[in-house]
C-alpha atoms as a PDB file:
ATOM      1  CA  MET A   1       0.116   0.097   0.427  1.00  0.00           C
ATOM      2  CA  ASN A   2       1.514   3.547  -1.026  1.00  0.00           C
ATOM      3  CA  LYS A   3       1.570   6.237   1.663  1.00  0.00           C
ATOM      4  CA  LYS A   4      -1.292   8.108   0.593  1.00  0.00           C
ATOM      5  CA  ALA A   5      -3.718   4.982   0.796  1.00  0.00           C
ATOM      6  CA  CYS A   6      -2.105   4.527   4.175  1.00  0.00           C
ATOM      7  CA  ILE A   7      -2.981   7.647   5.241  1.00  0.00           C
ATOM      8  CA  LEU A   8      -6.478   7.626   3.349  1.00  0.00           C
ATOM      9  CA  THR A   9      -7.359   4.569   5.476  1.00  0.00           C
ATOM     10  CA  TYR A  10      -6.071   6.027   8.850  1.00  0.00           C
ATOM     11  CA  ILE A  11      -7.836   8.813   8.245  1.00  0.00           C
ATOM     12  CA  THR A  12     -10.909   6.626   7.658  1.00  0.00           C
ATOM     13  CA  LEU A  13     -10.430   4.792  10.480  1.00  0.00           C
ATOM     14  CA  ILE A  14      -9.971   7.748  13.035  1.00  0.00           C
ATOM     15  CA  SER A  15     -13.253   8.459  11.570  1.00  0.00           C
ATOM     16  CA  ILE A  16     -15.230   5.198  12.344  1.00  0.00           C
ATOM     17  CA  GLY A  17     -14.275   5.593  15.122  1.00  0.00           C
ATOM     18  CA  LEU A  18     -14.913   8.976  16.202  1.00  0.00           C
ATOM     19  CA  ALA A  19     -18.391   8.365  14.979  1.00  0.00           C
ATOM     20  CA  SER A  20     -18.794   5.351  17.162  1.00  0.00           C
ATOM     21  CA  PHE A  21     -17.403   7.354  20.486  1.00  0.00           C
ATOM     22  CA  ALA A  22     -19.551   9.986  19.681  1.00  0.00           C
ATOM     23  CA  TYR A  23     -22.484   7.918  19.014  1.00  0.00           C
ATOM     24  CA  GLY A  24     -22.401   6.671  23.328  1.00  0.00           C
ATOM     25  CA  TYR A  25     -21.867  10.460  24.515  1.00  0.00           C
ATOM     26  CA  ALA A  26     -23.744  12.091  22.142  1.00  0.00           C
ATOM     27  CA  TYR A  27     -27.672  11.482  23.010  1.00  0.00           C
ATOM     28  CA  ASP A  28     -28.188  11.827  26.805  1.00  0.00           C
ATOM     29  CA  GLY A  29     -32.190  10.840  26.526  1.00  0.00           C
ATOM     30  CA  LYS A  30     -33.048  14.237  25.184  1.00  0.00           C
ATOM     31  CA  PHE A  31     -32.226  13.723  21.418  1.00  0.00           C
ATOM     32  CA  ASP A  32     -34.418  10.955  18.550  1.00  0.00           C
ATOM     33  CA  ARG A  33     -31.865   8.755  18.350  1.00  0.00           C
ATOM     34  CA  ARG A  34     -33.428   8.109  14.493  1.00  0.00           C
ATOM     35  CA  TRP A  35     -31.929  10.804  13.366  1.00  0.00           C
ATOM     36  CA  VAL A  36     -28.680  10.766  11.810  1.00  0.00           C
ATOM     37  CA  THR A  37     -26.036  13.741   9.784  1.00  0.00           C
ATOM     38  CA  VAL A  38     -25.169  12.143   6.490  1.00  0.00           C
ATOM     39  CA  TYR A  39     -21.989  14.126   5.098  1.00  0.00           C
ATOM     40  CA  GLY A  40     -19.078  14.310   2.794  1.00  0.00           C
ATOM     41  CA  PHE A  41     -20.440  14.162  -1.261  1.00  0.00           C
ATOM     42  CA  PRO A  42     -21.920  16.797  -3.000  1.00  0.00           C
ATOM     43  CA  LEU A  43     -25.489  17.878  -2.443  1.00  0.00           C
ATOM     44  CA  GLU A  44     -26.648  17.706  -5.977  1.00  0.00           C
ATOM     45  CA  ILE A  45     -26.225  13.593  -5.361  1.00  0.00           C
ATOM     46  CA  GLY A  46     -28.300  14.274  -2.396  1.00  0.00           C
ATOM     47  CA  PRO A  47     -31.416  12.180  -3.529  1.00  0.00           C
ATOM     48  CA  SER A  48     -28.718   9.601  -4.462  1.00  0.00           C
ATOM     49  CA  VAL A  49     -27.806   9.074  -1.122  1.00  0.00           C
ATOM     50  CA  VAL A  50     -30.581   9.246   0.316  1.00  0.00           C
ATOM     51  CA  ASN A  51     -31.617   6.348  -2.084  1.00  0.00           C
ATOM     52  CA  GLU A  52     -28.521   4.337  -0.720  1.00  0.00           C
ATOM     53  CA  PHE A  53     -28.910   4.910   2.822  1.00  0.00           C
ATOM     54  CA  SER A  54     -32.823   3.429   2.413  1.00  0.00           C
ATOM     55  CA  LYS A  55     -31.308   0.253   2.087  1.00  0.00           C
ATOM     56  CA  TYR A  56     -29.919   0.181   5.498  1.00  0.00           C
ATOM     57  CA  GLY A  57     -34.002   0.880   6.858  1.00  0.00           C
ATOM     58  CA  LYS A  58     -37.330   3.097   6.136  1.00  0.00           C
ATOM     59  CA  ILE A  59     -36.595   6.589   5.814  1.00  0.00           C
ATOM     60  CA  LEU A  60     -39.007   8.732   7.390  1.00  0.00           C
ATOM     61  CA  LYS A  61     -37.919  12.087   6.948  1.00  0.00           C
ATOM     62  CA  VAL A  62     -35.305  13.997   4.711  1.00  0.00           C
ATOM     63  CA  GLU A  63     -34.534  17.971   5.813  1.00  0.00           C
ATOM     64  CA  TYR A  64     -31.690  19.228   2.972  1.00  0.00           C
ATOM     65  CA  PRO A  65     -29.618  22.143   4.192  1.00  0.00           C
ATOM     66  CA  ARG A  66     -30.609  25.151   3.480  1.00  0.00           C
ATOM     67  CA  GLN A  67     -27.253  26.874   1.951  1.00  0.00           C
ATOM     68  CA  SER A  68     -26.781  25.577  -1.423  1.00  0.00           C
ATOM     69  CA  ALA A  69     -23.279  24.859  -1.252  1.00  0.00           C
ATOM     70  CA  ALA A  70     -23.893  22.583   2.012  1.00  0.00           C
ATOM     71  CA  ASN A  71     -22.138  19.190   1.613  1.00  0.00           C
ATOM     72  CA  TRP A  72     -25.303  17.033   4.411  1.00  0.00           C
ATOM     73  CA  ILE A  73     -28.365  16.078   4.604  1.00  0.00           C
ATOM     74  CA  LEU A  74     -30.110  15.225   7.474  1.00  0.00           C
ATOM     75  CA  LEU A  75     -32.465  11.699   7.902  1.00  0.00           C
ATOM     76  CA  LYS A  76     -34.791  10.349  10.368  1.00  0.00           C
ATOM     77  CA  PHE A  77     -34.923   6.661   9.890  1.00  0.00           C
ATOM     78  CA  GLU A  78     -37.615   4.354  11.498  1.00  0.00           C
ATOM     79  CA  SER A  79     -35.820   3.194  14.442  1.00  0.00           C
ATOM     80  CA  LYS A  80     -33.007   4.128  15.945  1.00  0.00           C
ATOM     81  CA  GLU A  81     -31.198   0.536  15.353  1.00  0.00           C
ATOM     82  CA  ILE A  82     -30.413   1.803  11.710  1.00  0.00           C
ATOM     83  CA  ALA A  83     -29.231   4.970  12.609  1.00  0.00           C
ATOM     84  CA  SER A  84     -27.031   3.529  16.063  1.00  0.00           C
ATOM     85  CA  TYR A  85     -25.629   0.805  13.251  1.00  0.00           C
ATOM     86  CA  LEU A  86     -24.830   3.332  10.247  1.00  0.00           C
ATOM     87  CA  ILE A  87     -23.091   6.028  12.906  1.00  0.00           C
ATOM     88  CA  LYS A  88     -21.323   2.962  14.568  1.00  0.00           C
ATOM     89  CA  ASN A  89     -19.887   2.118  11.004  1.00  0.00           C
ATOM     90  CA  GLY A  90     -19.470   5.118  10.416  1.00  0.00           C
ATOM     91  CA  GLY A  91     -21.752   5.693   7.203  1.00  0.00           C
ATOM     92  CA  THR A  92     -20.463   4.082   4.026  1.00  0.00           C
ATOM     93  CA  ILE A  93     -18.881   4.516   0.599  1.00  0.00           C
ATOM     94  CA  PHE A  94     -20.865   5.557  -2.768  1.00  0.00           C
ATOM     95  CA  GLU A  95     -20.110   6.932  -5.957  1.00  0.00           C
ATOM     96  CA  ASN A  96     -16.163   7.420  -4.680  1.00  0.00           C
ATOM     97  CA  TYR A  97     -17.387   9.351  -1.746  1.00  0.00           C
ATOM     98  CA  ARG A  98     -16.584   7.908   1.966  1.00  0.00           C
ATOM     99  CA  ILE A  99     -19.849   9.030   3.549  1.00  0.00           C
ATOM    100  CA  GLY A 100     -20.391   9.684   7.057  1.00  0.00           C
ATOM    101  CA  ALA A 101     -22.343   9.573   9.507  1.00  0.00           C
ATOM    102  CA  ILE A 102     -22.883  10.891  12.788  1.00  0.00           C
ATOM    103  CA  PRO A 103     -25.529  11.825  15.334  1.00  0.00           C
ATOM    104  CA  PHE A 104     -27.677  15.052  15.054  1.00  0.00           C
ATOM    105  CA  LYS A 105     -28.869  16.610  18.036  1.00  0.00           C
ATOM    106  CA  TYR A 106     -31.429  19.091  17.382  1.00  0.00           C
END
């Protein structure tokens, strides 16, 4: 593995670890654990990202940011177990983007 690939792998592992760590502490009982912030892609492929994440479970609501230059969306899943799974795994890879998933607090 070349140096660039090693660095990207390291960064990915760190982000997955931080997302998993954050999940345990991000919710303190006041927040709906079914919400996930999904980030790391151009907003124009947002509908395709929603479709990709719907493979993990039923999405009840999608909220797009007001800023047109944003690279994230909010997804509300049918169950907190689906959201937890995505957060603990740090997201997914879709169309050459490493798409992250972190807890959402509103």
